[in-house]
Amino acid sequence: MKNTTLIAIISLIVIVLIDFVQIVLSFFEVYSLPVFRLFGVLNLIAFAGLLPFFITLYKKQK
């Protein structure tokens, strides 16, 4: 459970940082469609990092 918790915490931090960077970049001309796609892929990977935590939590509850 410790490893999955650590991965989940890191994933949440990455998700928050990605959203913060997106907000900051949206004020400048740097933000484009390829950058938007890159952040989408990074968000998807970060959310996939949360999945093992919830699976482990569900198994522990059973």
Protein backbone atom coordinates (compact mmCIF):
# COMPACT_ATOMS: atom_id res chain seq x y z
CA MET A 1 0.00 0.00 0.00
CA LYS A 2 2.92 2.35 0.66
CA ASN A 3 4.20 2.19 -2.92
CA THR A 4 0.77 2.80 -4.43
CA THR A 5 0.16 5.67 -2.01
CA LEU A 6 3.46 7.27 -2.99
CA ILE A 7 2.65 6.89 -6.70
CA ALA A 8 -0.81 8.41 -6.10
CA ILE A 9 0.64 11.40 -4.23
CA ILE A 10 3.20 12.00 -6.97
CA SER A 11 0.46 11.71 -9.60
CA LEU A 12 -1.71 14.27 -7.79
CA ILE A 13 1.23 16.67 -7.55
CA VAL A 14 1.90 16.23 -11.28
CA ILE A 15 -1.77 16.87 -12.12
CA VAL A 16 -1.81 20.08 -10.08
CA LEU A 17 1.48 21.27 -11.60
CA ILE A 18 0.27 20.54 -15.13
CA ASP A 19 -2.91 22.54 -14.50
CA PHE A 20 -0.89 25.40 -13.00
CA VAL A 21 1.49 25.47 -15.99
CA GLN A 22 -1.48 25.43 -18.37
CA ILE A 23 -3.00 28.43 -16.61
CA VAL A 24 0.28 30.35 -16.72
CA LEU A 25 0.93 29.50 -20.38
CA SER A 26 -2.60 30.49 -21.37
CA PHE A 27 -1.68 34.12 -20.65
CA PHE A 28 1.12 34.04 -23.22
CA GLU A 29 1.33 33.27 -26.93
CA VAL A 30 3.27 30.06 -26.20
CA TYR A 31 0.11 28.00 -25.73
CA SER A 32 -0.72 26.17 -28.97
CA LEU A 33 -2.46 22.98 -30.08
CA PRO A 34 0.66 20.75 -29.81
CA VAL A 35 1.27 22.05 -26.28
CA PHE A 36 -2.38 21.37 -25.45
CA ARG A 37 -2.02 17.79 -26.74
CA LEU A 38 1.18 17.30 -24.75
CA PHE A 39 -0.51 18.41 -21.54
CA GLY A 40 -3.46 16.14 -22.33
CA VAL A 41 -1.16 13.13 -22.65
CA LEU A 42 0.69 14.06 -19.45
CA ASN A 43 -2.63 14.44 -17.62
CA LEU A 44 -3.73 11.02 -18.86
CA ILE A 45 -0.49 9.43 -17.63
CA ALA A 46 -0.87 11.15 -14.25
CA PHE A 47 -4.46 9.93 -13.87
CA ALA A 48 -3.30 6.43 -14.80
CA GLY A 49 -0.89 6.71 -11.88
CA LEU A 50 -3.85 7.16 -9.54
CA LEU A 51 -5.54 3.96 -10.69
CA PRO A 52 -3.35 1.45 -8.76
CA PHE A 53 -4.06 3.29 -5.50
CA PHE A 54 -7.81 2.94 -5.90
CA ILE A 55 -7.52 -0.69 -7.00
CA THR A 56 -5.43 -1.49 -3.92
CA LEU A 57 -7.86 0.41 -1.71
CA TYR A 58 -10.78 -1.54 -3.18
CA LYS A 59 -9.02 -4.88 -2.63
CA LYS A 60 -8.20 -3.91 0.95
CA GLN A 61 -11.84 -3.04 1.59
CA LYS A 62 -13.09 -6.41 0.34
